Amino acid sequence: MSSFAAQDHRSAATAPAEAPASPARRGMSRKHREWLAAGLFLAPDVVGLLVFVAVPMVLSVGLSFFQVSGFGSYEWIGLGNYERMMDDPLFWDSMRITGLYVVILVPVLFCVSLALGLLVKQKLPGMGVYRTVLFMPYVISLVVVGVLWKFLLDEQTGAVNRAMRAAGLDGESWLGSPSLALACVIAVMVWVMMGYYMIIFLAGLQEIPKEYYEAAKLDGSGPWTTFRTITWPLLRPTSFFVLLMSTVAAITGGLDLIFVLTDGGPANGTSLAIFYIYQQAFGFGEYGYASAMGSFLVLIMVAVSAVIFKLTRGGRFDDGE
């Protein structure tokens, strides 16, 4: 027994000692790994925002102080483009139309999307098909949507007027009247966007614990009372997200649809600010002036977003006290 013990002792003595583990081998702490994972997940979006949003915005602000003539010719004019903007009645008319467009579109889109979210939450046969059908317009290109609805709303051959005449009603010049044309643009945008925000509301509704509804049912609460006391308060974060994103989309989006459906007409009745900026930049080559108007529009969008944050407290459940 002693010989075997001595042999084991000699083997252990002659074996090379293991080096202490380096920090790299020990690995990072859990907190550092979480930060690294979060950074890797955020990196694509951050890089995309920097390359395609932040850098162009900075360059646009810089360009707004120049008079651009053709390609590559720049003349410093300071605040000249902004002074021109302040005296441009067409720009302010487009801002007025944009304000009217946002004030009507956002509440209508919010209410329709919420109603559809409540509807498709129900467990009914074929509900998956209905969700798909309602979401489908969102994945269609706005150019295709514009061509489709321009065909449907045509005064002479459009399917809408033909159906009205078949029912004994007079057809309307849907895209020939400024007020009707803007209403049509709003209706089409609601049709396009409602499926997306319906899914957002549906996700928020599914996060509400079922126990709350069971308790309300036991207390004898009706549908309206249950919605007012349970669903609506617990949807506050989702409602904030929908309100903010739909407002930003209304201010800065819809260019493709306007371009195809109405081309800003009739009588500039659907010339939103984003469309007027596009016209000045790519229709008349006024890149410096368009940059000034674009910078002003972004400033308005930031201000409106700040007001929404203030009024809704960022969608928090607490009262901010």
C-alpha atoms as a PDB file:
ATOM      1  CA  MET A   1       0.000   0.000   0.000  1.00  0.00           C
ATOM      2  CA  SER A   2       2.880   2.329   0.857  1.00  0.00           C
ATOM      3  CA  SER A   3       4.595   1.714  -2.518  1.00  0.00           C
ATOM      4  CA  PHE A   4       1.440   2.627  -4.396  1.00  0.00           C
ATOM      5  CA  ALA A   5       1.018   5.765  -2.306  1.00  0.00           C
ATOM      6  CA  ALA A   6       4.593   6.796  -2.944  1.00  0.00           C
ATOM      7  CA  GLN A   7       4.177   6.250  -6.674  1.00  0.00           C
ATOM      8  CA  ASP A   8       1.028   8.411  -6.719  1.00  0.00           C
ATOM      9  CA  HIS A   9       2.862  11.101  -4.755  1.00  0.00           C
ATOM     10  CA  ARG A  10       5.741  11.116  -7.258  1.00  0.00           C
ATOM     11  CA  SER A  11       3.293  11.290 -10.205  1.00  0.00           C
ATOM     12  CA  ALA A  12       1.509  14.253  -8.654  1.00  0.00           C
ATOM     13  CA  ALA A  13       4.779  15.978  -7.972  1.00  0.00           C
ATOM     14  CA  THR A  14       6.064  15.526 -11.522  1.00  0.00           C
ATOM     15  CA  ALA A  15       2.739  16.626 -13.114  1.00  0.00           C
ATOM     16  CA  PRO A  16       2.833  20.214 -14.434  1.00  0.00           C
ATOM     17  CA  ALA A  17       0.953  22.666 -12.270  1.00  0.00           C
ATOM     18  CA  GLU A  18      -2.177  24.153 -13.872  1.00  0.00           C
ATOM     19  CA  ALA A  19      -1.970  27.868 -14.587  1.00  0.00           C
ATOM     20  CA  PRO A  20      -4.584  30.027 -12.900  1.00  0.00           C
ATOM     21  CA  ALA A  21      -7.570  30.813 -15.134  1.00  0.00           C
ATOM     22  CA  SER A  22      -7.240  34.136 -16.905  1.00  0.00           C
ATOM     23  CA  PRO A  23     -10.073  36.685 -16.824  1.00  0.00           C
ATOM     24  CA  ALA A  24     -10.884  35.827 -20.434  1.00  0.00           C
ATOM     25  CA  ARG A  25     -11.218  32.139 -19.553  1.00  0.00           C
ATOM     26  CA  ARG A  26     -13.298  32.862 -16.502  1.00  0.00           C
ATOM     27  CA  GLY A  27     -15.695  34.741 -18.775  1.00  0.00           C
ATOM     28  CA  MET A  28     -17.694  37.915 -18.354  1.00  0.00           C
ATOM     29  CA  SER A  29     -20.133  38.523 -15.575  1.00  0.00           C
ATOM     30  CA  ARG A  30     -23.829  38.011 -16.169  1.00  0.00           C
ATOM     31  CA  LYS A  31     -24.438  41.751 -16.249  1.00  0.00           C
ATOM     32  CA  HIS A  32     -21.782  42.251 -18.920  1.00  0.00           C
ATOM     33  CA  ARG A  33     -23.172  39.369 -20.979  1.00  0.00           C
ATOM     34  CA  GLU A  34     -26.629  40.920 -20.826  1.00  0.00           C
ATOM     35  CA  TRP A  35     -25.262  44.288 -21.943  1.00  0.00           C
ATOM     36  CA  LEU A  36     -23.383  42.595 -24.790  1.00  0.00           C
ATOM     37  CA  ALA A  37     -26.494  40.697 -25.907  1.00  0.00           C
ATOM     38  CA  ALA A  38     -28.588  43.864 -25.776  1.00  0.00           C
ATOM     39  CA  GLY A  39     -25.959  45.734 -27.792  1.00  0.00           C
ATOM     40  CA  LEU A  40     -25.824  43.020 -30.442  1.00  0.00           C
ATOM     41  CA  PHE A  41     -29.607  42.994 -30.773  1.00  0.00           C
ATOM     42  CA  LEU A  42     -29.780  46.788 -31.000  1.00  0.00           C
ATOM     43  CA  ALA A  43     -26.795  47.209 -33.314  1.00  0.00           C
ATOM     44  CA  PRO A  44     -28.640  46.614 -36.649  1.00  0.00           C
ATOM     45  CA  ASP A  45     -31.360  49.137 -35.776  1.00  0.00           C
ATOM     46  CA  VAL A  46     -28.885  51.665 -34.391  1.00  0.00           C
ATOM     47  CA  VAL A  47     -26.671  51.427 -37.476  1.00  0.00           C
ATOM     48  CA  GLY A  48     -29.700  51.681 -39.748  1.00  0.00           C
ATOM     49  CA  LEU A  49     -31.025  54.733 -37.904  1.00  0.00           C
ATOM     50  CA  LEU A  50     -27.627  56.417 -38.016  1.00  0.00           C
ATOM     51  CA  VAL A  51     -27.029  55.738 -41.714  1.00  0.00           C
ATOM     52  CA  PHE A  52     -30.529  56.249 -43.072  1.00  0.00           C
ATOM     53  CA  VAL A  53     -32.091  58.725 -40.599  1.00  0.00           C
ATOM     54  CA  ALA A  54     -29.645  60.618 -38.378  1.00  0.00           C
ATOM     55  CA  VAL A  55     -26.962  61.377 -40.982  1.00  0.00           C
ATOM     56  CA  PRO A  56     -29.457  62.448 -43.708  1.00  0.00           C
ATOM     57  CA  MET A  57     -31.250  64.663 -41.173  1.00  0.00           C
ATOM     58  CA  VAL A  58     -28.002  66.411 -40.220  1.00  0.00           C
ATOM     59  CA  LEU A  59     -27.067  66.842 -43.893  1.00  0.00           C
ATOM     60  CA  SER A  60     -30.557  68.149 -44.642  1.00  0.00           C
ATOM     61  CA  VAL A  61     -30.289  70.792 -41.914  1.00  0.00           C
ATOM     62  CA  GLY A  62     -26.923  71.842 -43.325  1.00  0.00           C
ATOM     63  CA  LEU A  63     -28.310  71.935 -46.868  1.00  0.00           C
ATOM     64  CA  SER A  64     -31.161  74.189 -45.752  1.00  0.00           C
ATOM     65  CA  PHE A  65     -28.699  77.100 -45.443  1.00  0.00           C
ATOM     66  CA  PHE A  66     -27.690  76.872 -49.115  1.00  0.00           C
ATOM     67  CA  GLN A  67     -29.240  77.787 -52.428  1.00  0.00           C
ATOM     68  CA  VAL A  68     -28.719  74.712 -54.598  1.00  0.00           C
ATOM     69  CA  SER A  69     -28.665  75.265 -58.349  1.00  0.00           C
ATOM     70  CA  GLY A  70     -28.522  72.095 -60.407  1.00  0.00           C
ATOM     71  CA  PHE A  71     -26.048  69.463 -59.339  1.00  0.00           C
ATOM     72  CA  GLY A  72     -23.039  70.423 -57.245  1.00  0.00           C
ATOM     73  CA  SER A  73     -23.575  74.192 -57.156  1.00  0.00           C
ATOM     74  CA  TYR A  74     -24.080  75.562 -53.643  1.00  0.00           C
ATOM     75  CA  GLU A  75     -24.467  79.168 -52.546  1.00  0.00           C
ATOM     76  CA  TRP A  76     -24.584  80.104 -48.858  1.00  0.00           C
ATOM     77  CA  ILE A  77     -27.720  82.135 -48.109  1.00  0.00           C
ATOM     78  CA  GLY A  78     -28.011  81.652 -44.346  1.00  0.00           C
ATOM     79  CA  LEU A  79     -31.637  81.835 -43.211  1.00  0.00           C
ATOM     80  CA  GLY A  80     -32.876  82.781 -46.668  1.00  0.00           C
ATOM     81  CA  ASN A  81     -34.744  79.520 -47.221  1.00  0.00           C
ATOM     82  CA  TYR A  82     -36.462  79.826 -43.849  1.00  0.00           C
ATOM     83  CA  GLU A  83     -37.500  83.412 -44.609  1.00  0.00           C
ATOM     84  CA  ARG A  84     -38.884  82.239 -47.933  1.00  0.00           C
ATOM     85  CA  MET A  85     -40.770  79.484 -46.142  1.00  0.00           C
ATOM     86  CA  MET A  86     -42.399  81.956 -43.774  1.00  0.00           C
ATOM     87  CA  ASP A  87     -43.694  83.980 -46.748  1.00  0.00           C
ATOM     88  CA  ASP A  88     -44.847  80.983 -48.822  1.00  0.00           C
ATOM     89  CA  PRO A  89     -48.679  80.738 -48.719  1.00  0.00           C
ATOM     90  CA  LEU A  90     -48.652  77.356 -50.487  1.00  0.00           C
ATOM     91  CA  PHE A  91     -46.453  75.865 -47.782  1.00  0.00           C
ATOM     92  CA  TRP A  92     -48.697  77.098 -44.987  1.00  0.00           C
ATOM     93  CA  ASP A  93     -51.729  75.872 -46.903  1.00  0.00           C
ATOM     94  CA  SER A  94     -50.096  72.440 -47.063  1.00  0.00           C
ATOM     95  CA  MET A  95     -49.427  72.623 -43.317  1.00  0.00           C
ATOM     96  CA  ARG A  96     -53.095  73.461 -42.719  1.00  0.00           C
ATOM     97  CA  ILE A  97     -54.181  70.485 -44.825  1.00  0.00           C
ATOM     98  CA  THR A  98     -51.682  68.280 -42.988  1.00  0.00           C
ATOM     99  CA  GLY A  99     -53.074  69.401 -39.635  1.00  0.00           C
ATOM    100  CA  LEU A 100     -56.636  68.620 -40.749  1.00  0.00           C
ATOM    101  CA  TYR A 101     -55.470  65.292 -42.145  1.00  0.00           C
ATOM    102  CA  VAL A 102     -53.757  64.301 -38.871  1.00  0.00           C
ATOM    103  CA  VAL A 103     -56.621  65.485 -36.638  1.00  0.00           C
ATOM    104  CA  ILE A 104     -59.122  63.337 -38.576  1.00  0.00           C
ATOM    105  CA  LEU A 105     -56.968  60.334 -39.498  1.00  0.00           C
ATOM    106  CA  VAL A 106     -55.389  59.541 -36.122  1.00  0.00           C
ATOM    107  CA  PRO A 107     -58.603  59.347 -34.000  1.00  0.00           C
ATOM    108  CA  VAL A 108     -60.478  57.420 -36.697  1.00  0.00           C
ATOM    109  CA  LEU A 109     -57.593  54.989 -37.188  1.00  0.00           C
ATOM    110  CA  PHE A 110     -57.227  54.568 -33.424  1.00  0.00           C
ATOM    111  CA  CYS A 111     -60.907  53.771 -32.858  1.00  0.00           C
ATOM    112  CA  VAL A 112     -61.254  51.463 -35.867  1.00  0.00           C
ATOM    113  CA  SER A 113     -58.090  49.541 -34.966  1.00  0.00           C
ATOM    114  CA  LEU A 114     -59.167  49.167 -31.339  1.00  0.00           C
ATOM    115  CA  ALA A 115     -62.632  47.965 -32.375  1.00  0.00           C
ATOM    116  CA  LEU A 116     -61.089  45.420 -34.753  1.00  0.00           C
ATOM    117  CA  GLY A 117     -58.651  44.294 -32.053  1.00  0.00           C
ATOM    118  CA  LEU A 118     -61.562  43.646 -29.692  1.00  0.00           C
ATOM    119  CA  LEU A 119     -63.415  41.841 -32.468  1.00  0.00           C
ATOM    120  CA  VAL A 120     -60.637  39.493 -33.596  1.00  0.00           C
ATOM    121  CA  LYS A 121     -59.830  38.653 -29.968  1.00  0.00           C
ATOM    122  CA  GLN A 122     -63.041  36.686 -29.817  1.00  0.00           C
ATOM    123  CA  LYS A 123     -62.722  32.929 -30.201  1.00  0.00           C
ATOM    124  CA  LEU A 124     -64.910  32.359 -33.224  1.00  0.00           C
ATOM    125  CA  PRO A 125     -64.583  29.882 -36.118  1.00  0.00           C
ATOM    126  CA  GLY A 126     -62.295  31.116 -38.878  1.00  0.00           C
ATOM    127  CA  MET A 127     -60.963  34.052 -36.853  1.00  0.00           C
ATOM    128  CA  GLY A 128     -57.429  33.437 -38.131  1.00  0.00           C
ATOM    129  CA  VAL A 129     -58.651  33.996 -41.693  1.00  0.00           C
ATOM    130  CA  TYR A 130     -60.356  37.252 -40.719  1.00  0.00           C
ATOM    131  CA  ARG A 131     -57.173  38.501 -39.049  1.00  0.00           C
ATOM    132  CA  THR A 132     -55.175  37.708 -42.179  1.00  0.00           C
ATOM    133  CA  VAL A 133     -57.662  39.444 -44.462  1.00  0.00           C
ATOM    134  CA  LEU A 134     -57.729  42.570 -42.293  1.00  0.00           C
ATOM    135  CA  PHE A 135     -53.941  42.702 -42.073  1.00  0.00           C
ATOM    136  CA  MET A 136     -53.358  42.076 -45.788  1.00  0.00           C
ATOM    137  CA  PRO A 137     -53.774  45.705 -47.018  1.00  0.00           C
ATOM    138  CA  TYR A 138     -50.834  46.751 -44.826  1.00  0.00           C
ATOM    139  CA  VAL A 139     -48.397  44.544 -46.754  1.00  0.00           C
ATOM    140  CA  ILE A 140     -49.477  45.893 -50.145  1.00  0.00           C
ATOM    141  CA  SER A 141     -47.381  48.677 -51.686  1.00  0.00           C
ATOM    142  CA  LEU A 142     -48.977  52.116 -51.379  1.00  0.00           C
ATOM    143  CA  VAL A 143     -48.432  52.581 -55.111  1.00  0.00           C
ATOM    144  CA  VAL A 144     -50.559  49.512 -55.812  1.00  0.00           C
ATOM    145  CA  VAL A 145     -53.144  50.712 -53.285  1.00  0.00           C
ATOM    146  CA  GLY A 146     -53.278  54.106 -54.981  1.00  0.00           C
ATOM    147  CA  VAL A 147     -53.793  52.575 -58.444  1.00  0.00           C
ATOM    148  CA  LEU A 148     -56.490  50.240 -57.116  1.00  0.00           C
ATOM    149  CA  TRP A 149     -58.502  52.939 -55.361  1.00  0.00           C
ATOM    150  CA  LYS A 150     -58.075  55.402 -58.213  1.00  0.00           C
ATOM    151  CA  PHE A 151     -59.748  52.825 -60.436  1.00  0.00           C
ATOM    152  CA  LEU A 152     -62.514  52.164 -57.908  1.00  0.00           C
ATOM    153  CA  LEU A 153     -63.223  55.868 -57.288  1.00  0.00           C
ATOM    154  CA  ASP A 154     -63.181  57.035 -60.902  1.00  0.00           C
ATOM    155  CA  GLU A 155     -66.134  59.330 -61.560  1.00  0.00           C
ATOM    156  CA  GLN A 156     -67.224  57.697 -64.808  1.00  0.00           C
ATOM    157  CA  THR A 157     -66.136  54.080 -64.716  1.00  0.00           C
ATOM    158  CA  GLY A 158     -65.328  53.506 -61.044  1.00  0.00           C
ATOM    159  CA  ALA A 159     -66.942  50.575 -59.275  1.00  0.00           C
ATOM    160  CA  VAL A 160     -68.136  52.778 -56.395  1.00  0.00           C
ATOM    161  CA  ASN A 161     -70.149  55.151 -58.606  1.00  0.00           C
ATOM    162  CA  ARG A 162     -71.453  52.278 -60.699  1.00  0.00           C
ATOM    163  CA  ALA A 163     -72.759  50.593 -57.568  1.00  0.00           C
ATOM    164  CA  MET A 164     -74.366  53.867 -56.428  1.00  0.00           C
ATOM    165  CA  ARG A 165     -76.082  54.343 -59.798  1.00  0.00           C
ATOM    166  CA  ALA A 166     -77.320  50.765 -59.707  1.00  0.00           C
ATOM    167  CA  ALA A 167     -78.886  51.570 -56.322  1.00  0.00           C
ATOM    168  CA  GLY A 168     -80.589  54.656 -57.763  1.00  0.00           C
ATOM    169  CA  LEU A 169     -78.169  57.192 -56.303  1.00  0.00           C
ATOM    170  CA  ASP A 170     -76.154  59.870 -58.057  1.00  0.00           C
ATOM    171  CA  GLY A 171     -72.457  59.241 -58.381  1.00  0.00           C
ATOM    172  CA  GLU A 172     -69.921  61.555 -56.775  1.00  0.00           C
ATOM    173  CA  SER A 173     -66.728  63.121 -58.064  1.00  0.00           C
ATOM    174  CA  TRP A 174     -64.721  61.456 -55.309  1.00  0.00           C
ATOM    175  CA  LEU A 175     -61.334  62.651 -56.487  1.00  0.00           C
ATOM    176  CA  GLY A 176     -62.541  65.829 -58.199  1.00  0.00           C
ATOM    177  CA  SER A 177     -63.660  67.747 -55.100  1.00  0.00           C
ATOM    178  CA  PRO A 178     -61.003  68.982 -52.641  1.00  0.00           C
ATOM    179  CA  SER A 179     -63.013  68.018 -49.556  1.00  0.00           C
ATOM    180  CA  LEU A 180     -64.095  64.632 -50.925  1.00  0.00           C
ATOM    181  CA  ALA A 181     -60.599  63.875 -52.211  1.00  0.00           C
ATOM    182  CA  LEU A 182     -59.056  64.465 -48.792  1.00  0.00           C
ATOM    183  CA  ALA A 183     -61.753  62.336 -47.186  1.00  0.00           C
ATOM    184  CA  CYS A 184     -61.008  59.566 -49.677  1.00  0.00           C
ATOM    185  CA  VAL A 185     -57.277  59.738 -48.903  1.00  0.00           C
ATOM    186  CA  ILE A 186     -58.032  59.472 -45.180  1.00  0.00           C
ATOM    187  CA  ALA A 187     -60.415  56.540 -45.737  1.00  0.00           C
ATOM    188  CA  VAL A 188     -57.856  54.681 -47.856  1.00  0.00           C
ATOM    189  CA  MET A 189     -55.105  55.267 -45.288  1.00  0.00           C
ATOM    190  CA  VAL A 190     -57.382  53.907 -42.546  1.00  0.00           C
ATOM    191  CA  TRP A 191     -58.045  50.855 -44.718  1.00  0.00           C
ATOM    192  CA  VAL A 192     -54.321  50.331 -45.233  1.00  0.00           C
ATOM    193  CA  MET A 193     -53.117  50.922 -41.665  1.00  0.00           C
ATOM    194  CA  MET A 194     -55.929  49.484 -39.546  1.00  0.00           C
ATOM    195  CA  GLY A 195     -54.686  45.899 -39.832  1.00  0.00           C
ATOM    196  CA  TYR A 196     -51.268  46.742 -38.432  1.00  0.00           C
ATOM    197  CA  TYR A 197     -52.578  48.634 -35.417  1.00  0.00           C
ATOM    198  CA  MET A 198     -55.250  45.967 -34.958  1.00  0.00           C
ATOM    199  CA  ILE A 199     -52.448  43.455 -34.370  1.00  0.00           C
ATOM    200  CA  ILE A 200     -50.784  45.846 -31.898  1.00  0.00           C
ATOM    201  CA  PHE A 201     -54.026  46.223 -29.953  1.00  0.00           C
ATOM    202  CA  LEU A 202     -54.625  42.473 -30.093  1.00  0.00           C
ATOM    203  CA  ALA A 203     -51.212  41.861 -28.527  1.00  0.00           C
ATOM    204  CA  GLY A 204     -52.020  44.353 -25.766  1.00  0.00           C
ATOM    205  CA  LEU A 205     -55.428  42.783 -25.144  1.00  0.00           C
ATOM    206  CA  GLN A 206     -53.930  39.312 -24.856  1.00  0.00           C
ATOM    207  CA  GLU A 207     -51.537  40.552 -22.165  1.00  0.00           C
ATOM    208  CA  ILE A 208     -54.444  41.433 -19.829  1.00  0.00           C
ATOM    209  CA  PRO A 209     -54.913  38.596 -17.300  1.00  0.00           C
ATOM    210  CA  LYS A 210     -58.131  36.649 -17.776  1.00  0.00           C
ATOM    211  CA  GLU A 211     -58.693  36.608 -14.019  1.00  0.00           C
ATOM    212  CA  TYR A 212     -59.692  40.283 -14.146  1.00  0.00           C
ATOM    213  CA  TYR A 213     -62.496  39.559 -16.607  1.00  0.00           C
ATOM    214  CA  GLU A 214     -63.636  36.527 -14.622  1.00  0.00           C
ATOM    215  CA  ALA A 215     -63.844  38.639 -11.458  1.00  0.00           C
ATOM    216  CA  ALA A 216     -65.764  41.357 -13.304  1.00  0.00           C
ATOM    217  CA  LYS A 217     -68.189  38.747 -14.647  1.00  0.00           C
ATOM    218  CA  LEU A 218     -68.787  37.421 -11.160  1.00  0.00           C
ATOM    219  CA  ASP A 219     -69.502  40.978 -10.005  1.00  0.00           C
ATOM    220  CA  GLY A 220     -72.123  41.324 -12.726  1.00  0.00           C
ATOM    221  CA  SER A 221     -70.260  43.926 -14.822  1.00  0.00           C
ATOM    222  CA  GLY A 222     -71.565  44.464 -18.333  1.00  0.00           C
ATOM    223  CA  PRO A 223     -69.410  44.738 -21.478  1.00  0.00           C
ATOM    224  CA  TRP A 224     -69.147  48.534 -21.340  1.00  0.00           C
ATOM    225  CA  THR A 225     -68.300  48.617 -17.628  1.00  0.00           C
ATOM    226  CA  THR A 226     -65.702  45.876 -18.105  1.00  0.00           C
ATOM    227  CA  PHE A 227     -64.119  47.767 -20.989  1.00  0.00           C
ATOM    228  CA  ARG A 228     -64.108  51.067 -19.100  1.00  0.00           C
ATOM    229  CA  THR A 229     -62.736  49.727 -15.816  1.00  0.00           C
ATOM    230  CA  ILE A 230     -60.412  46.933 -16.957  1.00  0.00           C
ATOM    231  CA  THR A 231     -59.591  46.901 -20.670  1.00  0.00           C
ATOM    232  CA  TRP A 232     -59.090  50.589 -21.290  1.00  0.00           C
ATOM    233  CA  PRO A 233     -56.878  51.350 -18.246  1.00  0.00           C
ATOM    234  CA  LEU A 234     -54.675  48.291 -18.843  1.00  0.00           C
ATOM    235  CA  LEU A 235     -54.305  49.178 -22.536  1.00  0.00           C
ATOM    236  CA  ARG A 236     -52.635  52.475 -21.663  1.00  0.00           C
ATOM    237  CA  PRO A 237     -49.096  51.530 -22.847  1.00  0.00           C
ATOM    238  CA  THR A 238     -50.449  50.020 -26.072  1.00  0.00           C
ATOM    239  CA  SER A 239     -52.715  53.006 -26.689  1.00  0.00           C
ATOM    240  CA  PHE A 240     -49.784  55.366 -26.188  1.00  0.00           C
ATOM    241  CA  PHE A 241     -47.688  53.454 -28.725  1.00  0.00           C
ATOM    242  CA  VAL A 242     -50.494  53.417 -31.311  1.00  0.00           C
ATOM    243  CA  LEU A 243     -51.252  57.104 -30.802  1.00  0.00           C
ATOM    244  CA  LEU A 244     -47.619  58.152 -31.117  1.00  0.00           C
ATOM    245  CA  MET A 245     -46.746  55.965 -34.092  1.00  0.00           C
ATOM    246  CA  SER A 246     -49.911  56.763 -36.037  1.00  0.00           C
ATOM    247  CA  THR A 247     -49.369  60.492 -35.491  1.00  0.00           C
ATOM    248  CA  VAL A 248     -45.776  60.323 -36.727  1.00  0.00           C
ATOM    249  CA  ALA A 249     -46.875  58.206 -39.704  1.00  0.00           C
ATOM    250  CA  ALA A 250     -49.641  60.677 -40.550  1.00  0.00           C
ATOM    251  CA  ILE A 251     -47.272  63.665 -40.485  1.00  0.00           C
ATOM    252  CA  THR A 252     -44.428  62.107 -42.438  1.00  0.00           C
ATOM    253  CA  GLY A 253     -46.073  59.359 -44.500  1.00  0.00           C
ATOM    254  CA  GLY A 254     -48.586  58.916 -47.290  1.00  0.00           C
ATOM    255  CA  LEU A 255     -46.445  60.440 -50.059  1.00  0.00           C
ATOM    256  CA  ASP A 256     -46.763  57.422 -52.369  1.00  0.00           C
ATOM    257  CA  LEU A 257     -50.518  57.281 -51.979  1.00  0.00           C
ATOM    258  CA  ILE A 258     -51.000  61.024 -52.572  1.00  0.00           C
ATOM    259  CA  PHE A 259     -48.702  60.948 -55.603  1.00  0.00           C
ATOM    260  CA  VAL A 260     -50.628  58.128 -57.300  1.00  0.00           C
ATOM    261  CA  LEU A 261     -54.176  58.766 -56.104  1.00  0.00           C
ATOM    262  CA  THR A 262     -54.560  62.550 -56.405  1.00  0.00           C
ATOM    263  CA  ASP A 263     -51.166  64.072 -57.265  1.00  0.00           C
ATOM    264  CA  GLY A 264     -51.869  66.705 -54.619  1.00  0.00           C
ATOM    265  CA  GLY A 265     -55.090  67.868 -56.287  1.00  0.00           C
ATOM    266  CA  PRO A 266     -57.641  68.960 -56.958  1.00  0.00           C
ATOM    267  CA  ALA A 267     -56.724  72.613 -56.360  1.00  0.00           C
ATOM    268  CA  ASN A 268     -53.975  71.451 -53.939  1.00  0.00           C
ATOM    269  CA  GLY A 269     -56.740  70.026 -51.731  1.00  0.00           C
ATOM    270  CA  THR A 270     -54.630  66.972 -50.845  1.00  0.00           C
ATOM    271  CA  SER A 271     -51.209  68.589 -51.004  1.00  0.00           C
ATOM    272  CA  LEU A 272     -49.834  67.537 -47.640  1.00  0.00           C
ATOM    273  CA  ALA A 273     -46.640  69.150 -46.381  1.00  0.00           C
ATOM    274  CA  ILE A 274     -44.593  66.061 -47.220  1.00  0.00           C
ATOM    275  CA  PHE A 275     -45.943  66.138 -50.783  1.00  0.00           C
ATOM    276  CA  TYR A 276     -45.224  69.853 -51.194  1.00  0.00           C
ATOM    277  CA  ILE A 277     -41.664  69.290 -49.967  1.00  0.00           C
ATOM    278  CA  TYR A 278     -41.277  66.472 -52.487  1.00  0.00           C
ATOM    279  CA  GLN A 279     -42.538  68.729 -55.276  1.00  0.00           C
ATOM    280  CA  GLN A 280     -40.066  71.484 -54.422  1.00  0.00           C
ATOM    281  CA  ALA A 281     -37.142  69.083 -54.210  1.00  0.00           C
ATOM    282  CA  PHE A 282     -37.674  66.740 -57.145  1.00  0.00           C
ATOM    283  CA  GLY A 283     -40.117  68.712 -59.265  1.00  0.00           C
ATOM    284  CA  PHE A 284     -38.393  72.118 -59.210  1.00  0.00           C
ATOM    285  CA  GLY A 285     -34.892  71.238 -58.011  1.00  0.00           C
ATOM    286  CA  GLU A 286     -35.197  73.464 -54.907  1.00  0.00           C
ATOM    287  CA  TYR A 287     -33.200  71.140 -52.672  1.00  0.00           C
ATOM    288  CA  GLY A 288     -32.138  73.810 -50.195  1.00  0.00           C
ATOM    289  CA  TYR A 289     -35.648  75.142 -49.808  1.00  0.00           C
ATOM    290  CA  ALA A 290     -37.070  71.629 -49.499  1.00  0.00           C
ATOM    291  CA  SER A 291     -34.487  70.859 -46.810  1.00  0.00           C
ATOM    292  CA  ALA A 292     -35.567  73.929 -44.843  1.00  0.00           C
ATOM    293  CA  MET A 293     -39.210  72.878 -44.985  1.00  0.00           C
ATOM    294  CA  GLY A 294     -38.291  69.301 -44.103  1.00  0.00           C
ATOM    295  CA  SER A 295     -36.321  70.458 -41.066  1.00  0.00           C
ATOM    296  CA  PHE A 296     -39.276  72.560 -39.941  1.00  0.00           C
ATOM    297  CA  LEU A 297     -41.638  69.607 -40.398  1.00  0.00           C
ATOM    298  CA  VAL A 298     -39.372  67.386 -38.286  1.00  0.00           C
ATOM    299  CA  LEU A 299     -39.365  70.061 -35.591  1.00  0.00           C
ATOM    300  CA  ILE A 300     -43.171  70.113 -35.631  1.00  0.00           C
ATOM    301  CA  MET A 301     -43.237  66.320 -35.403  1.00  0.00           C
ATOM    302  CA  VAL A 302     -40.905  66.356 -32.386  1.00  0.00           C
ATOM    303  CA  ALA A 303     -43.042  69.006 -30.691  1.00  0.00           C
ATOM    304  CA  VAL A 304     -46.242  67.036 -31.296  1.00  0.00           C
ATOM    305  CA  SER A 305     -44.563  63.868 -29.969  1.00  0.00           C
ATOM    306  CA  ALA A 306     -43.481  65.748 -26.838  1.00  0.00           C
ATOM    307  CA  VAL A 307     -47.048  66.940 -26.282  1.00  0.00           C
ATOM    308  CA  ILE A 308     -48.333  63.364 -26.633  1.00  0.00           C
ATOM    309  CA  PHE A 309     -45.722  62.191 -24.130  1.00  0.00           C
ATOM    310  CA  LYS A 310     -46.785  64.920 -21.714  1.00  0.00           C
ATOM    311  CA  LEU A 311     -50.524  64.341 -22.010  1.00  0.00           C
ATOM    312  CA  THR A 312     -50.349  60.542 -21.804  1.00  0.00           C
ATOM    313  CA  ARG A 313     -47.399  60.369 -19.341  1.00  0.00           C
ATOM    314  CA  GLY A 314     -45.668  58.032 -21.775  1.00  0.00           C
ATOM    315  CA  GLY A 315     -48.347  55.382 -21.333  1.00  0.00           C
ATOM    316  CA  ARG A 316     -47.308  54.656 -17.746  1.00  0.00           C
ATOM    317  CA  PHE A 317     -49.779  53.049 -15.362  1.00  0.00           C
ATOM    318  CA  ASP A 318     -48.852  55.407 -12.528  1.00  0.00           C
ATOM    319  CA  ASP A 319     -50.111  58.958 -12.254  1.00  0.00           C
ATOM    320  CA  GLY A 320     -46.635  60.453 -12.472  1.00  0.00           C
ATOM    321  CA  GLU A 321     -46.699  61.569  -8.827  1.00  0.00           C
END
